[in-house]
N, C-alpha and C. Protein backbone atom coordinates (compact mmCIF):
# COMPACT_ATOMS: atom_id res chain seq x y z
N MET A 1 61.70 46.46 -10.94
CA MET A 1 61.64 45.15 -11.45
C MET A 1 60.22 44.62 -11.32
N ILE A 2 59.75 44.04 -12.38
CA ILE A 2 58.40 43.50 -12.43
C ILE A 2 58.47 41.98 -12.34
N LEU A 3 57.74 41.50 -11.40
CA LEU A 3 57.67 40.03 -11.26
C LEU A 3 56.43 39.53 -12.00
N THR A 4 56.61 38.53 -12.76
CA THR A 4 55.50 37.93 -13.49
C THR A 4 55.31 36.51 -12.95
N THR A 5 54.08 36.25 -12.57
CA THR A 5 53.77 34.92 -12.07
C THR A 5 52.89 34.22 -13.09
N VAL A 6 53.24 33.05 -13.40
CA VAL A 6 52.48 32.26 -14.37
C VAL A 6 51.91 31.04 -13.65
N PHE A 7 50.61 30.91 -13.80
CA PHE A 7 49.94 29.75 -13.21
C PHE A 7 49.54 28.81 -14.33
N THR A 8 49.77 27.59 -14.12
CA THR A 8 49.36 26.59 -15.10
C THR A 8 48.23 25.77 -14.49
N LEU A 9 47.17 25.69 -15.24
CA LEU A 9 46.01 24.94 -14.77
C LEU A 9 45.77 23.81 -15.75
N SER A 10 45.81 22.63 -15.26
CA SER A 10 45.51 21.51 -16.14
C SER A 10 44.18 20.91 -15.73
N VAL A 11 43.37 20.76 -16.71
CA VAL A 11 42.05 20.17 -16.48
C VAL A 11 41.93 18.97 -17.40
N SER A 12 41.58 17.91 -16.83
CA SER A 12 41.37 16.70 -17.64
C SER A 12 39.93 16.69 -18.11
N LEU A 13 39.76 16.60 -19.37
CA LEU A 13 38.42 16.60 -19.94
C LEU A 13 38.01 15.21 -20.41
N LEU A 14 38.49 14.22 -19.76
CA LEU A 14 38.10 12.86 -20.11
C LEU A 14 36.65 12.63 -19.69
N PRO A 15 35.89 11.88 -20.46
CA PRO A 15 34.49 11.64 -20.09
C PRO A 15 34.41 10.85 -18.79
N ALA A 16 33.50 11.29 -17.96
CA ALA A 16 33.29 10.59 -16.69
C ALA A 16 32.51 9.32 -16.96
N ARG A 17 32.93 8.25 -16.36
CA ARG A 17 32.24 6.98 -16.54
C ARG A 17 31.57 6.61 -15.23
N ALA A 18 30.25 6.55 -15.31
CA ALA A 18 29.50 6.17 -14.12
C ALA A 18 29.63 4.67 -13.94
N GLN A 19 29.98 4.29 -12.77
CA GLN A 19 30.09 2.87 -12.50
C GLN A 19 28.90 2.45 -11.67
N THR A 20 27.94 1.86 -12.35
CA THR A 20 26.74 1.38 -11.66
C THR A 20 26.81 -0.13 -11.56
N PRO A 21 26.42 -0.62 -10.41
CA PRO A 21 26.44 -2.07 -10.25
C PRO A 21 25.38 -2.70 -11.15
N PRO A 22 25.61 -3.93 -11.55
CA PRO A 22 24.60 -4.60 -12.38
C PRO A 22 23.32 -4.78 -11.58
N PRO A 23 22.15 -4.72 -12.25
CA PRO A 23 20.89 -4.87 -11.52
C PRO A 23 20.78 -6.24 -10.88
N LYS A 24 20.22 -6.23 -9.69
CA LYS A 24 20.02 -7.49 -8.98
C LYS A 24 18.83 -8.22 -9.60
N PRO A 25 18.90 -9.51 -9.67
CA PRO A 25 17.74 -10.23 -10.20
C PRO A 25 16.57 -10.06 -9.24
N SER A 26 15.40 -9.83 -9.81
CA SER A 26 14.25 -9.60 -8.94
C SER A 26 13.73 -10.91 -8.39
N ARG A 27 13.46 -10.89 -7.11
CA ARG A 27 12.86 -12.05 -6.43
C ARG A 27 11.54 -11.60 -5.89
N LYS A 28 10.49 -12.13 -6.44
CA LYS A 28 9.16 -11.74 -6.04
C LYS A 28 8.74 -12.58 -4.83
N ALA A 29 8.35 -11.91 -3.78
CA ALA A 29 7.88 -12.62 -2.60
C ALA A 29 6.51 -13.23 -2.91
N VAL A 30 6.30 -14.40 -2.43
CA VAL A 30 5.03 -15.08 -2.66
C VAL A 30 4.41 -15.36 -1.29
N VAL A 31 3.11 -15.13 -1.21
CA VAL A 31 2.40 -15.42 0.04
C VAL A 31 1.38 -16.52 -0.21
N THR A 32 1.14 -17.30 0.82
CA THR A 32 0.17 -18.39 0.74
C THR A 32 -1.20 -17.91 1.21
N ALA A 33 -2.22 -18.71 0.92
CA ALA A 33 -3.57 -18.39 1.39
C ALA A 33 -3.59 -18.30 2.91
N GLU A 34 -2.86 -19.18 3.56
CA GLU A 34 -2.82 -19.16 5.03
C GLU A 34 -2.24 -17.85 5.55
N GLN A 35 -1.24 -17.32 4.84
CA GLN A 35 -0.64 -16.06 5.27
C GLN A 35 -1.55 -14.87 5.00
N VAL A 36 -2.36 -14.96 3.95
CA VAL A 36 -3.21 -13.85 3.53
C VAL A 36 -4.53 -13.81 4.29
N ASN A 37 -5.17 -14.95 4.45
CA ASN A 37 -6.52 -15.01 5.04
C ASN A 37 -6.54 -14.46 6.46
N GLY A 38 -7.56 -13.65 6.73
CA GLY A 38 -7.74 -13.18 8.09
C GLY A 38 -8.27 -11.76 8.18
N VAL A 39 -8.22 -11.25 9.40
CA VAL A 39 -8.68 -9.90 9.71
C VAL A 39 -7.47 -9.09 10.17
N TYR A 40 -7.31 -7.91 9.56
CA TYR A 40 -6.19 -7.01 9.86
C TYR A 40 -6.76 -5.71 10.44
N ARG A 41 -6.07 -5.17 11.44
CA ARG A 41 -6.57 -3.96 12.10
C ARG A 41 -5.47 -2.92 12.26
N SER A 42 -5.88 -1.66 12.08
CA SER A 42 -5.04 -0.50 12.39
C SER A 42 -5.96 0.53 13.03
N TYR A 43 -5.79 0.76 14.30
CA TYR A 43 -6.68 1.63 15.08
C TYR A 43 -8.11 1.11 14.93
N ASP A 44 -9.03 1.91 14.39
CA ASP A 44 -10.43 1.46 14.24
C ASP A 44 -10.71 0.88 12.84
N ASN A 45 -9.73 0.89 11.96
CA ASN A 45 -9.93 0.39 10.60
C ASN A 45 -9.63 -1.11 10.52
N GLU A 46 -10.40 -1.80 9.69
CA GLU A 46 -10.20 -3.24 9.52
C GLU A 46 -10.30 -3.66 8.06
N PHE A 47 -9.46 -4.62 7.72
CA PHE A 47 -9.54 -5.32 6.43
C PHE A 47 -9.86 -6.77 6.72
N ARG A 48 -10.76 -7.35 5.94
CA ARG A 48 -11.03 -8.78 5.96
C ARG A 48 -10.62 -9.29 4.59
N ILE A 49 -9.78 -10.32 4.58
CA ILE A 49 -9.21 -10.81 3.31
C ILE A 49 -9.30 -12.32 3.25
N LEU A 50 -9.73 -12.81 2.07
CA LEU A 50 -9.85 -14.25 1.83
C LEU A 50 -9.28 -14.56 0.45
N ALA A 51 -8.34 -15.50 0.38
CA ALA A 51 -7.79 -15.95 -0.90
C ALA A 51 -8.84 -16.79 -1.61
N LEU A 52 -9.11 -16.45 -2.87
CA LEU A 52 -10.11 -17.16 -3.66
C LEU A 52 -9.46 -18.14 -4.64
N GLY A 53 -8.16 -18.05 -4.82
CA GLY A 53 -7.46 -18.87 -5.80
C GLY A 53 -7.35 -18.13 -7.11
N HIS A 54 -6.51 -18.64 -8.00
CA HIS A 54 -6.29 -18.07 -9.33
C HIS A 54 -5.88 -16.60 -9.27
N GLY A 55 -5.09 -16.24 -8.24
CA GLY A 55 -4.57 -14.88 -8.13
C GLY A 55 -5.58 -13.83 -7.71
N LYS A 56 -6.66 -14.26 -7.04
CA LYS A 56 -7.70 -13.31 -6.62
C LYS A 56 -7.94 -13.40 -5.12
N LEU A 57 -8.30 -12.24 -4.54
CA LEU A 57 -8.63 -12.15 -3.13
C LEU A 57 -9.97 -11.45 -2.98
N LYS A 58 -10.77 -11.89 -2.02
CA LYS A 58 -11.95 -11.13 -1.63
C LYS A 58 -11.50 -10.20 -0.52
N VAL A 59 -11.79 -8.90 -0.68
CA VAL A 59 -11.31 -7.89 0.27
C VAL A 59 -12.48 -7.03 0.73
N GLN A 60 -12.55 -6.81 2.04
CA GLN A 60 -13.54 -5.90 2.61
C GLN A 60 -12.82 -4.94 3.55
N PHE A 61 -13.18 -3.66 3.44
CA PHE A 61 -12.58 -2.63 4.29
C PHE A 61 -13.68 -1.91 5.05
N ASP A 62 -13.47 -1.72 6.34
CA ASP A 62 -14.32 -0.89 7.18
C ASP A 62 -13.43 0.16 7.83
N GLY A 63 -13.71 1.43 7.53
CA GLY A 63 -12.89 2.50 8.05
C GLY A 63 -13.68 3.46 8.91
N VAL A 64 -12.98 4.06 9.86
CA VAL A 64 -13.61 5.00 10.79
C VAL A 64 -12.68 6.19 10.99
N TYR A 65 -13.27 7.38 11.00
CA TYR A 65 -12.54 8.59 11.37
C TYR A 65 -13.35 9.27 12.47
N ARG A 66 -12.74 9.42 13.63
CA ARG A 66 -13.40 10.06 14.77
C ARG A 66 -13.03 11.54 14.78
N THR A 67 -14.05 12.40 14.76
CA THR A 67 -13.80 13.84 14.74
C THR A 67 -13.56 14.35 16.15
N ILE A 68 -13.09 15.57 16.25
CA ILE A 68 -12.83 16.18 17.55
C ILE A 68 -14.12 16.38 18.33
N SER A 69 -15.24 16.51 17.60
CA SER A 69 -16.53 16.71 18.27
C SER A 69 -17.20 15.38 18.63
N LYS A 70 -16.43 14.31 18.54
CA LYS A 70 -16.86 12.96 18.92
C LYS A 70 -17.86 12.33 17.95
N SER A 71 -18.04 12.92 16.78
CA SER A 71 -18.87 12.26 15.77
C SER A 71 -17.97 11.30 14.98
N VAL A 72 -18.59 10.44 14.18
CA VAL A 72 -17.84 9.40 13.48
C VAL A 72 -18.17 9.44 11.99
N ASN A 73 -17.12 9.44 11.18
CA ASN A 73 -17.27 9.29 9.73
C ASN A 73 -16.81 7.88 9.38
N THR A 74 -17.53 7.23 8.46
CA THR A 74 -17.21 5.85 8.13
C THR A 74 -16.95 5.67 6.65
N GLY A 75 -16.33 4.56 6.33
CA GLY A 75 -16.08 4.19 4.95
C GLY A 75 -16.15 2.69 4.82
N TYR A 76 -16.62 2.23 3.67
CA TYR A 76 -16.77 0.80 3.43
C TYR A 76 -16.40 0.52 1.98
N ALA A 77 -15.68 -0.54 1.77
CA ALA A 77 -15.35 -0.97 0.41
C ALA A 77 -15.29 -2.49 0.39
N GLU A 78 -15.69 -3.04 -0.74
CA GLU A 78 -15.63 -4.49 -0.91
C GLU A 78 -15.38 -4.77 -2.38
N GLY A 79 -14.56 -5.77 -2.63
CA GLY A 79 -14.29 -6.12 -4.01
C GLY A 79 -13.30 -7.25 -4.13
N GLU A 80 -12.97 -7.55 -5.37
CA GLU A 80 -12.01 -8.61 -5.68
C GLU A 80 -10.69 -7.97 -6.08
N ALA A 81 -9.65 -8.35 -5.40
CA ALA A 81 -8.32 -7.82 -5.70
C ALA A 81 -7.53 -8.86 -6.48
N ILE A 82 -6.61 -8.38 -7.29
CA ILE A 82 -5.68 -9.24 -8.02
C ILE A 82 -4.37 -9.24 -7.26
N ILE A 83 -3.82 -10.43 -7.00
CA ILE A 83 -2.56 -10.51 -6.26
C ILE A 83 -1.46 -11.05 -7.17
N ASP A 84 -0.30 -10.41 -7.07
CA ASP A 84 0.88 -10.82 -7.81
C ASP A 84 2.04 -10.81 -6.82
N GLY A 85 2.53 -11.97 -6.48
CA GLY A 85 3.57 -12.06 -5.46
C GLY A 85 2.96 -11.74 -4.10
N ASN A 86 3.47 -10.70 -3.46
CA ASN A 86 2.93 -10.30 -2.17
C ASN A 86 2.18 -8.97 -2.24
N VAL A 87 1.85 -8.51 -3.46
CA VAL A 87 1.17 -7.23 -3.65
C VAL A 87 -0.18 -7.48 -4.33
N ALA A 88 -1.24 -7.00 -3.67
CA ALA A 88 -2.58 -7.11 -4.24
C ALA A 88 -3.08 -5.72 -4.59
N THR A 89 -3.86 -5.62 -5.67
CA THR A 89 -4.42 -4.35 -6.10
C THR A 89 -5.93 -4.47 -6.14
N LEU A 90 -6.59 -3.55 -5.45
CA LEU A 90 -8.05 -3.50 -5.40
C LEU A 90 -8.49 -2.22 -6.08
N ASP A 91 -9.16 -2.35 -7.23
CA ASP A 91 -9.70 -1.18 -7.93
C ASP A 91 -11.13 -0.96 -7.48
N LEU A 92 -11.44 0.30 -7.14
CA LEU A 92 -12.78 0.67 -6.68
C LEU A 92 -13.27 1.87 -7.49
N PRO A 93 -13.66 1.66 -8.74
CA PRO A 93 -14.00 2.78 -9.62
C PRO A 93 -15.43 3.31 -9.47
N GLU A 94 -16.21 2.76 -8.55
CA GLU A 94 -17.63 3.11 -8.43
C GLU A 94 -17.87 4.61 -8.21
N PHE A 95 -17.04 5.25 -7.36
CA PHE A 95 -17.26 6.65 -7.00
C PHE A 95 -16.27 7.60 -7.66
N GLY A 96 -15.16 7.07 -8.14
CA GLY A 96 -14.12 7.90 -8.73
C GLY A 96 -12.86 7.08 -8.87
N PRO A 97 -11.74 7.73 -9.19
CA PRO A 97 -10.49 6.97 -9.34
C PRO A 97 -9.92 6.57 -7.99
N CYS A 98 -10.25 5.36 -7.56
CA CYS A 98 -9.79 4.87 -6.27
C CYS A 98 -9.15 3.50 -6.45
N LYS A 99 -7.98 3.35 -5.85
CA LYS A 99 -7.28 2.08 -5.90
C LYS A 99 -6.55 1.89 -4.59
N MET A 100 -6.49 0.64 -4.13
CA MET A 100 -5.74 0.32 -2.93
C MET A 100 -4.71 -0.73 -3.28
N ASN A 101 -3.47 -0.47 -2.86
CA ASN A 101 -2.40 -1.44 -3.01
C ASN A 101 -2.14 -2.04 -1.64
N LEU A 102 -2.24 -3.36 -1.56
CA LEU A 102 -2.05 -4.07 -0.31
C LEU A 102 -0.77 -4.88 -0.41
N VAL A 103 0.18 -4.61 0.47
CA VAL A 103 1.46 -5.30 0.46
C VAL A 103 1.53 -6.17 1.71
N PHE A 104 1.62 -7.48 1.50
CA PHE A 104 1.70 -8.41 2.62
C PHE A 104 3.15 -8.50 3.08
N LEU A 105 3.37 -8.12 4.33
CA LEU A 105 4.71 -8.04 4.91
C LEU A 105 4.92 -9.21 5.88
N PRO A 106 6.18 -9.45 6.23
CA PRO A 106 6.45 -10.49 7.24
C PRO A 106 5.80 -10.13 8.58
N HIS A 107 5.71 -11.10 9.43
CA HIS A 107 5.22 -10.94 10.80
C HIS A 107 3.75 -10.50 10.85
N ASN A 108 2.93 -11.05 9.93
CA ASN A 108 1.48 -10.80 9.95
C ASN A 108 1.11 -9.33 9.84
N ARG A 109 1.81 -8.61 8.99
CA ARG A 109 1.52 -7.20 8.78
C ARG A 109 1.07 -6.97 7.34
N LEU A 110 0.30 -5.93 7.16
CA LEU A 110 -0.23 -5.55 5.86
C LEU A 110 -0.06 -4.04 5.71
N LYS A 111 0.61 -3.62 4.65
CA LYS A 111 0.77 -2.18 4.38
C LYS A 111 -0.20 -1.83 3.26
N VAL A 112 -0.99 -0.78 3.49
CA VAL A 112 -2.00 -0.36 2.51
C VAL A 112 -1.69 1.06 2.06
N ILE A 113 -1.69 1.24 0.74
CA ILE A 113 -1.53 2.56 0.14
C ILE A 113 -2.79 2.85 -0.66
N GLN A 114 -3.48 3.90 -0.28
CA GLN A 114 -4.73 4.29 -0.96
C GLN A 114 -4.42 5.36 -2.00
N GLU A 115 -4.85 5.12 -3.22
CA GLU A 115 -4.72 6.11 -4.29
C GLU A 115 -6.11 6.65 -4.56
N GLY A 116 -6.32 7.92 -4.30
CA GLY A 116 -7.63 8.54 -4.43
C GLY A 116 -8.05 9.11 -3.08
N ASP A 117 -8.81 10.17 -3.11
CA ASP A 117 -9.28 10.80 -1.88
C ASP A 117 -10.47 10.04 -1.32
N SER A 118 -10.87 10.42 -0.11
CA SER A 118 -12.00 9.76 0.55
C SER A 118 -13.25 9.72 -0.32
N PRO A 119 -13.69 10.84 -0.93
CA PRO A 119 -14.90 10.77 -1.76
C PRO A 119 -14.73 9.90 -3.00
N ASP A 120 -13.50 9.84 -3.56
CA ASP A 120 -13.25 9.00 -4.72
C ASP A 120 -13.45 7.52 -4.40
N CYS A 121 -13.29 7.18 -3.13
CA CYS A 121 -13.43 5.80 -2.70
C CYS A 121 -14.81 5.53 -2.07
N GLY A 122 -15.64 6.59 -2.00
CA GLY A 122 -16.95 6.43 -1.39
C GLY A 122 -16.93 6.48 0.12
N PHE A 123 -15.85 7.01 0.69
CA PHE A 123 -15.71 7.06 2.15
C PHE A 123 -16.18 8.41 2.67
N GLY A 124 -16.50 8.43 3.96
CA GLY A 124 -16.83 9.68 4.63
C GLY A 124 -15.60 10.56 4.76
N HIS A 125 -15.83 11.80 5.15
CA HIS A 125 -14.77 12.81 5.27
C HIS A 125 -13.61 12.30 6.13
N ASN A 126 -12.39 12.38 5.59
CA ASN A 126 -11.14 12.01 6.26
C ASN A 126 -10.95 10.52 6.52
N VAL A 127 -11.83 9.67 6.05
CA VAL A 127 -11.63 8.23 6.21
C VAL A 127 -10.62 7.78 5.15
N ARG A 128 -9.56 7.14 5.60
CA ARG A 128 -8.51 6.65 4.70
C ARG A 128 -8.13 5.24 5.08
N ALA A 129 -7.70 4.47 4.08
CA ALA A 129 -7.27 3.10 4.33
C ALA A 129 -5.77 2.99 4.52
N ASP A 130 -5.03 4.07 4.24
CA ASP A 130 -3.56 4.03 4.35
C ASP A 130 -3.12 3.57 5.72
N GLY A 131 -2.00 2.86 5.75
CA GLY A 131 -1.41 2.51 7.03
C GLY A 131 -0.86 1.10 7.05
N THR A 132 -0.30 0.75 8.17
CA THR A 132 0.20 -0.60 8.39
C THR A 132 -0.73 -1.29 9.37
N TYR A 133 -1.24 -2.42 8.94
CA TYR A 133 -2.22 -3.18 9.70
C TYR A 133 -1.55 -4.43 10.27
N ARG A 134 -2.09 -4.90 11.39
CA ARG A 134 -1.59 -6.11 12.03
C ARG A 134 -2.70 -7.15 11.99
N LYS A 135 -2.34 -8.39 11.63
CA LYS A 135 -3.34 -9.47 11.59
C LYS A 135 -3.75 -9.79 13.02
N ILE A 136 -5.06 -9.71 13.28
CA ILE A 136 -5.56 -10.00 14.62
C ILE A 136 -6.25 -11.36 14.69
N ARG A 137 -6.58 -11.90 13.50
CA ARG A 137 -7.25 -13.20 13.46
C ARG A 137 -6.93 -13.85 12.11
N GLY A 138 -6.50 -15.09 12.14
CA GLY A 138 -6.21 -15.83 10.92
C GLY A 138 -7.42 -16.66 10.50
N GLY A 139 -7.29 -17.32 9.37
CA GLY A 139 -8.36 -18.19 8.88
C GLY A 139 -9.37 -17.41 8.05
N LYS A 140 -10.46 -18.08 7.73
CA LYS A 140 -11.50 -17.48 6.90
C LYS A 140 -12.25 -16.42 7.70
N PRO A 141 -12.24 -15.17 7.21
CA PRO A 141 -12.92 -14.10 7.96
C PRO A 141 -14.42 -14.12 7.70
N LYS A 142 -15.15 -13.55 8.63
CA LYS A 142 -16.60 -13.39 8.47
C LYS A 142 -16.81 -12.02 7.81
N PHE A 143 -17.35 -12.04 6.60
CA PHE A 143 -17.59 -10.79 5.90
C PHE A 143 -18.92 -10.20 6.38
N GLU A 144 -18.88 -8.92 6.73
CA GLU A 144 -20.04 -8.28 7.33
C GLU A 144 -20.60 -7.22 6.40
N PRO A 145 -21.91 -7.03 6.41
CA PRO A 145 -22.49 -5.95 5.59
C PRO A 145 -22.05 -4.59 6.14
N PRO A 146 -22.09 -3.56 5.30
CA PRO A 146 -21.66 -2.24 5.79
C PRO A 146 -22.55 -1.74 6.93
N ALA A 147 -21.92 -1.00 7.83
CA ALA A 147 -22.67 -0.42 8.95
C ALA A 147 -23.62 0.63 8.42
N GLU A 148 -24.81 0.66 8.93
CA GLU A 148 -25.83 1.64 8.48
C GLU A 148 -25.69 2.93 9.24
């Protein structure tokens, strides 16, 4: 006697419907001149920032990279950034494709994202502006000439 087993497989081929929530309305954070103005530090790197009005900031960066042999590489940048909400963009095309995005965060912090390598920004070897900075002094900063 031969036993025959029959399996029935049902597959539903209905189109899958992705259920995505509706997009949230965007709320752009806004920062005041009082919140922006000041000196920000991360290790040996510093930003000096002053609100100029009309969506512009004066920005100065002094960067340092200490090598294992105790020598120092430096970087300096200065320019006018455009601010929209809590994000400022500083273009530095003098040496190559260099841009810095500055995001003003709560609690006197500044997050910086550098687009471009050290030479593209005119900085010494391994000098970078990336990082999270803490405001160490509020008010109008004293802008200093680059270190020689």
